[in-house]
Amino acid sequence: MAKVLELAEKPEGEEFKQLIKVTLLGFAVVGLIAFTIATGLYYLMNFLGIATPS
């Protein structure tokens, strides 16, 4: 672990911006997938007549 920290470098400005963009894109994709699944399950449960939380 100490060797990894020793070799690690602080990212440059452009690299840092790219890391932020990729991270935010990942959050957005995961959020969209979760929203799609939750919405789909809500409508499926209503279609099947299963009680849904209010």
Protein backbone atom coordinates (compact mmCIF):
# COMPACT_ATOMS: atom_id res chain seq x y z
CA MET A 1 0.00 0.00 0.00
CA ALA A 2 2.83 2.38 0.82
CA LYS A 3 4.38 1.71 -2.60
CA VAL A 4 1.12 2.64 -4.35
CA LEU A 5 0.89 5.91 -2.44
CA GLU A 6 4.53 6.60 -3.19
CA LEU A 7 3.98 6.16 -6.95
CA ALA A 8 0.69 8.08 -7.07
CA GLU A 9 0.70 11.54 -8.64
CA LYS A 10 -1.73 14.42 -8.45
CA PRO A 11 -3.70 14.66 -11.73
CA GLU A 12 -3.14 17.64 -14.01
CA GLY A 13 -6.00 20.06 -14.69
CA GLU A 14 -7.18 18.48 -17.94
CA GLU A 15 -6.93 14.95 -16.57
CA PHE A 16 -8.87 16.02 -13.47
CA LYS A 17 -11.65 17.50 -15.64
CA GLN A 18 -11.87 14.24 -17.58
CA LEU A 19 -12.08 12.22 -14.35
CA ILE A 20 -14.92 14.47 -13.12
CA LYS A 21 -16.80 14.07 -16.43
CA VAL A 22 -16.45 10.28 -16.43
CA THR A 23 -17.49 10.04 -12.78
CA LEU A 24 -20.58 12.22 -13.30
CA LEU A 25 -21.49 10.27 -16.43
CA GLY A 26 -21.24 7.05 -14.42
CA PHE A 27 -23.52 8.45 -11.71
CA ALA A 28 -26.03 9.56 -14.35
CA VAL A 29 -26.05 6.16 -16.08
CA VAL A 30 -26.50 4.26 -12.80
CA GLY A 31 -29.25 6.66 -11.73
CA LEU A 32 -31.04 6.30 -15.06
CA ILE A 33 -30.88 2.51 -14.84
CA ALA A 34 -32.23 2.57 -11.26
CA PHE A 35 -35.03 4.97 -12.24
CA THR A 36 -35.98 2.78 -15.20
CA ILE A 37 -36.09 -0.37 -13.06
CA ALA A 38 -38.10 1.34 -10.28
CA THR A 39 -40.60 2.80 -12.75
CA GLY A 40 -40.94 -0.48 -14.61
CA LEU A 41 -41.54 -2.42 -11.40
CA TYR A 42 -44.12 0.15 -10.26
CA TYR A 43 -46.13 -0.22 -13.46
CA LEU A 44 -45.70 -4.01 -13.50
CA MET A 45 -46.98 -4.29 -9.93
CA ASN A 46 -49.97 -2.08 -10.76
CA PHE A 47 -50.69 -4.19 -13.85
CA LEU A 48 -50.57 -7.40 -11.80
CA GLY A 49 -52.71 -5.90 -9.03
CA ILE A 50 -50.04 -6.06 -6.36
CA ALA A 51 -50.21 -3.29 -3.74
CA THR A 52 -47.54 -0.62 -4.21
CA PRO A 53 -46.16 1.73 -1.55
CA SER A 54 -47.73 5.18 -1.60
